[in-house]
Amino acid sequence: MLGGSLRREPTATLIQDAAMDRLVRNLLSTVPSIPMPAQQGELIPIGRGKEDALIAARKGEEEKGLVDGFSPALLDLEPAISVIAERAQSLTNATGSAIGLRWGNEVVCSARAGRTAPDLGVRLQAESGLSGECVRSGQILRCDDAEDHPNVDAESCRRLGVRSILVAPLHHFRKMLGIFEVLSSEPYAFDDLAVAHLQMLAGFMVATIARAAGLKSVLDAPRLVAPKTIS
């Protein structure tokens, strides 16, 4: 929705507590153990058969010239994806969270939580504004006030009741998997700890996708950075 970057900011925010350890263990238990195609990714349109969705997605990717032919939105990521979206909302005190996964050249909302999150199946703006810059830069980005920035999609934000945005890329090495965002109806809602929490959960989301898809490489989660005001 909006431009801006946290690159070149200091790194290394360390979180140590028993509650976080329990959270990590709980999230790990939700990660799928085997690759499989999925109904969860059947979002465009809702209700399409599993085989038809896979065939259509692959055909679309071939037509668009995609090299890797990989659409995370087609994977069965439940219950992990819903658990992670809910945790993101609660840990960052957001009024909404959304996980958008790549479907060909588009990014589709595949999990959500909270009243200010976009609906499931909605195509997210992954080529412009905040989300677009997040995808291009591979950096966590933050907007403190959606009403006070020239590049914000004010109409979309007002429709959802959003004032603050924090968005992280989902990358596996150089492969773009999607985006992970938390939203708030209050301005200046997200601090350093919210950035650290989203960083951690984005890493879990990448791990979930990698494991479900059988990707054979270590994870390239977004770099943890300290937040700064974007004006």
Protein backbone atom coordinates (compact mmCIF):
# COMPACT_ATOMS: atom_id res chain seq x y z
CA MET A 1 0.00 0.00 0.00
CA LEU A 2 2.85 2.35 0.75
CA GLY A 3 6.55 2.83 0.12
CA GLY A 4 9.39 3.01 2.59
CA SER A 5 12.13 0.79 3.93
CA LEU A 6 13.92 -0.26 7.10
CA ARG A 7 17.09 -1.35 5.31
CA ARG A 8 20.45 -0.25 6.73
CA GLU A 9 18.94 -0.14 10.21
CA PRO A 10 20.59 -1.92 13.16
CA THR A 11 19.81 -5.62 13.55
CA ALA A 12 19.68 -8.23 16.33
CA THR A 13 16.72 -7.98 18.65
CA LEU A 14 16.89 -10.96 21.02
CA ILE A 15 13.78 -12.42 22.63
CA GLN A 16 14.20 -14.77 25.58
CA ASP A 17 11.32 -15.96 27.73
CA ALA A 18 9.42 -19.13 28.62
CA ALA A 19 6.26 -18.02 26.83
CA MET A 20 8.14 -17.59 23.57
CA ASP A 21 9.72 -21.02 23.95
CA ARG A 22 6.27 -22.55 24.37
CA LEU A 23 5.03 -20.66 21.32
CA VAL A 24 7.89 -21.97 19.20
CA ARG A 25 7.20 -25.55 20.28
CA ASN A 26 3.47 -25.19 19.59
CA LEU A 27 4.08 -23.73 16.13
CA LEU A 28 6.53 -26.47 15.22
CA SER A 29 3.89 -29.08 16.01
CA THR A 30 1.58 -27.58 13.36
CA VAL A 31 4.05 -27.66 10.45
CA PRO A 32 3.02 -30.21 7.78
CA SER A 33 5.41 -33.14 7.45
CA ILE A 34 4.80 -34.25 3.85
CA PRO A 35 4.24 -32.51 0.52
CA MET A 36 0.69 -32.58 -0.84
CA PRO A 37 -1.53 -30.47 -3.10
CA ALA A 38 -4.23 -28.62 -1.23
CA GLN A 39 -7.71 -27.35 -0.99
CA GLN A 40 -6.39 -24.42 1.07
CA GLY A 41 -4.85 -22.95 -2.07
CA GLU A 42 -8.05 -23.28 -4.11
CA LEU A 43 -8.92 -19.65 -3.74
CA ILE A 44 -9.43 -18.43 -7.29
CA PRO A 45 -12.22 -19.36 -7.68
CA ILE A 46 -13.39 -20.81 -4.34
CA GLY A 47 -14.56 -24.38 -4.72
CA ARG A 48 -12.48 -25.35 -7.75
CA GLY A 49 -11.44 -29.03 -7.77
CA LYS A 50 -7.94 -29.86 -6.59
CA GLU A 51 -6.70 -31.36 -9.86
CA ASP A 52 -8.28 -28.59 -11.96
CA ALA A 53 -6.67 -25.93 -9.74
CA LEU A 54 -3.24 -27.51 -10.10
CA ILE A 55 -3.57 -27.84 -13.88
CA ALA A 56 -4.86 -24.28 -14.29
CA ALA A 57 -2.11 -22.85 -12.07
CA ARG A 58 0.64 -24.70 -13.95
CA LYS A 59 -0.79 -23.64 -17.30
CA GLY A 60 -0.98 -20.03 -16.15
CA GLU A 61 2.60 -20.12 -14.94
CA GLU A 62 3.79 -21.54 -18.27
CA GLU A 63 1.92 -18.82 -20.15
CA LYS A 64 3.44 -16.14 -17.94
CA GLY A 65 6.94 -17.53 -18.44
CA LEU A 66 7.61 -18.48 -14.83
CA VAL A 67 10.76 -20.56 -14.52
CA ASP A 68 10.19 -22.47 -11.29
CA GLY A 69 6.46 -23.18 -11.74
CA PHE A 70 5.86 -23.06 -7.97
CA SER A 71 2.66 -21.71 -6.41
CA PRO A 72 2.65 -21.93 -2.57
CA ALA A 73 -1.07 -21.08 -2.55
CA LEU A 74 -1.73 -24.62 -3.82
CA LEU A 75 -0.09 -26.33 -0.83
CA ASP A 76 -1.98 -27.81 2.11
CA LEU A 77 -0.59 -25.66 4.93
CA GLU A 78 -3.28 -26.18 7.54
CA PRO A 79 -3.37 -25.97 10.49
CA ALA A 80 -0.02 -24.15 10.56
CA ILE A 81 -0.99 -21.20 8.36
CA SER A 82 -4.10 -20.35 10.41
CA VAL A 83 -2.26 -20.76 13.71
CA ILE A 84 0.58 -18.49 12.56
CA ALA A 85 -1.84 -15.81 11.34
CA GLU A 86 -3.67 -15.85 14.68
CA ARG A 87 -0.39 -15.72 16.63
CA ALA A 88 0.77 -12.76 14.58
CA GLN A 89 -2.36 -10.82 15.47
CA SER A 90 -2.12 -11.57 19.18
CA LEU A 91 1.65 -11.15 19.58
CA THR A 92 1.75 -7.77 17.81
CA ASN A 93 -1.54 -6.52 19.32
CA ALA A 94 -2.82 -6.02 15.78
CA THR A 95 -6.46 -5.76 14.80
CA GLY A 96 -5.79 -7.94 11.78
CA SER A 97 -3.20 -10.16 10.10
CA ALA A 98 -2.94 -11.68 6.64
CA ILE A 99 -0.68 -14.18 4.93
CA GLY A 100 -0.58 -13.76 1.16
CA LEU A 101 0.87 -16.62 -0.88
CA ARG A 102 2.04 -16.57 -4.45
CA TRP A 103 -0.31 -17.90 -7.12
CA GLY A 104 1.58 -17.61 -10.39
CA ASN A 105 2.42 -13.92 -10.70
CA GLU A 106 -0.14 -12.87 -8.09
CA VAL A 107 -0.29 -12.96 -4.31
CA VAL A 108 -3.53 -14.23 -2.79
CA CYS A 109 -4.71 -13.90 0.82
CA SER A 110 -4.51 -17.49 2.06
CA ALA A 111 -4.96 -16.99 5.80
CA ARG A 112 -6.34 -14.16 7.92
CA ALA A 113 -7.25 -13.18 11.46
CA GLY A 114 -8.98 -10.14 12.91
CA ARG A 115 -11.49 -7.56 11.76
CA THR A 116 -9.13 -5.39 9.65
CA ALA A 117 -7.66 -8.24 7.58
CA PRO A 118 -8.56 -8.69 3.89
CA ASP A 119 -10.87 -11.55 2.96
CA LEU A 120 -9.59 -14.99 1.96
CA GLY A 121 -9.01 -15.27 -1.77
CA VAL A 122 -8.47 -11.54 -2.28
CA ARG A 123 -5.54 -10.61 -4.53
CA LEU A 124 -3.11 -8.50 -2.51
CA GLN A 125 -1.21 -5.51 -3.90
CA ALA A 126 2.18 -7.14 -4.28
CA GLU A 127 3.45 -4.98 -7.14
CA SER A 128 2.97 -1.49 -5.72
CA GLY A 129 3.11 0.50 -2.50
CA LEU A 130 4.32 -1.03 0.75
CA SER A 131 3.78 -4.66 -0.27
CA GLY A 132 5.47 -4.13 -3.62
CA GLU A 133 8.53 -2.55 -2.03
CA CYS A 134 8.61 -5.36 0.54
CA VAL A 135 8.68 -7.97 -2.24
CA ARG A 136 11.30 -6.10 -4.29
CA SER A 137 13.63 -5.27 -1.40
CA GLY A 138 13.18 -8.39 0.72
CA GLN A 139 12.93 -6.11 3.78
CA ILE A 140 10.42 -5.73 6.60
CA LEU A 141 8.58 -2.44 6.11
CA ARG A 142 6.41 -0.34 8.40
CA CYS A 143 3.84 2.42 8.02
CA ASP A 144 3.03 4.29 11.22
CA ASP A 145 0.05 6.24 9.87
CA ALA A 146 -1.73 5.36 6.64
CA GLU A 147 -3.49 8.74 6.65
CA ASP A 148 -0.23 10.68 6.60
CA HIS A 149 1.76 9.30 3.69
CA PRO A 150 1.54 10.37 0.03
CA ASN A 151 1.92 6.82 -1.35
CA VAL A 152 -0.73 5.10 0.73
CA ASP A 153 -3.85 3.63 -0.87
CA ALA A 154 -6.09 5.69 1.40
CA GLU A 155 -9.31 4.24 0.04
CA SER A 156 -8.27 0.63 0.71
CA CYS A 157 -7.00 1.47 4.17
CA ARG A 158 -10.15 3.34 5.10
CA ARG A 159 -12.33 0.53 3.81
CA LEU A 160 -10.51 -1.93 6.07
CA GLY A 161 -10.17 0.55 8.93
CA VAL A 162 -6.36 0.37 8.83
CA ARG A 163 -3.98 3.06 10.16
CA SER A 164 -0.74 1.10 10.83
CA ILE A 165 0.89 -1.57 8.66
CA LEU A 166 3.84 -3.91 9.21
CA VAL A 167 4.73 -6.26 6.35
CA ALA A 168 7.43 -8.92 5.95
CA PRO A 169 8.47 -10.82 2.80
CA LEU A 170 8.28 -14.60 2.61
CA HIS A 171 11.40 -15.68 0.71
CA HIS A 172 13.13 -19.03 0.30
CA PHE A 173 16.56 -18.08 -1.03
CA ARG A 174 15.69 -16.05 -4.16
CA LYS A 175 12.25 -17.61 -4.51
CA MET A 176 9.39 -15.24 -3.62
CA LEU A 177 6.69 -17.15 -1.74
CA GLY A 178 4.44 -14.32 -0.58
CA ILE A 179 4.02 -11.65 2.09
CA PHE A 180 3.01 -11.58 5.75
CA GLU A 181 1.38 -8.45 7.16
CA VAL A 182 -0.18 -7.26 10.40
CA LEU A 183 -2.58 -4.32 10.47
CA SER A 184 -3.94 -2.03 13.15
CA SER A 185 -6.80 0.43 13.35
CA GLU A 186 -4.57 2.67 15.51
CA PRO A 187 -1.66 4.82 14.24
CA TYR A 188 1.86 4.09 15.54
CA ALA A 189 0.72 0.65 16.68
CA PHE A 190 3.87 -1.41 15.99
CA ASP A 191 7.15 -1.16 17.92
CA ASP A 192 10.49 -3.01 17.92
CA LEU A 193 8.98 -6.04 19.64
CA ALA A 194 6.23 -6.30 17.02
CA VAL A 195 8.90 -6.29 14.31
CA ALA A 196 10.77 -9.08 16.11
CA HIS A 197 7.60 -11.14 16.49
CA LEU A 198 6.67 -10.76 12.83
CA GLN A 199 10.23 -11.68 11.81
CA MET A 200 10.05 -14.88 13.85
CA LEU A 201 6.61 -15.86 12.55
CA ALA A 202 7.58 -15.10 8.95
CA GLY A 203 10.44 -17.56 9.42
CA PHE A 204 7.97 -20.19 10.64
CA MET A 205 5.76 -19.52 7.65
CA VAL A 206 8.67 -20.02 5.26
CA ALA A 207 9.59 -23.23 7.11
CA THR A 208 6.01 -24.45 6.79
CA ILE A 209 5.97 -23.81 3.04
CA ALA A 210 9.40 -25.34 2.53
CA ARG A 211 8.50 -28.48 4.43
CA ALA A 212 5.11 -28.93 2.74
CA ALA A 213 6.68 -28.40 -0.70
CA GLY A 214 9.73 -30.55 0.00
CA LEU A 215 12.16 -27.72 -0.78
CA LYS A 216 15.74 -28.89 -0.19
CA SER A 217 17.51 -25.84 1.18
CA VAL A 218 17.96 -23.80 4.31
CA LEU A 219 15.56 -20.96 4.89
CA ASP A 220 16.14 -17.39 3.84
CA ALA A 221 13.80 -15.61 6.25
CA PRO A 222 13.61 -11.79 6.15
CA ARG A 223 16.42 -10.05 8.03
CA LEU A 224 15.42 -8.82 11.49
CA VAL A 225 15.64 -5.04 11.64
CA ALA A 226 14.78 -2.36 14.16
CA PRO A 227 11.78 -0.25 13.15
CA LYS A 228 11.98 3.40 12.21
CA THR A 229 9.36 6.00 11.43
CA ILE A 230 8.50 6.35 7.76
CA SER A 231 7.51 9.93 6.98
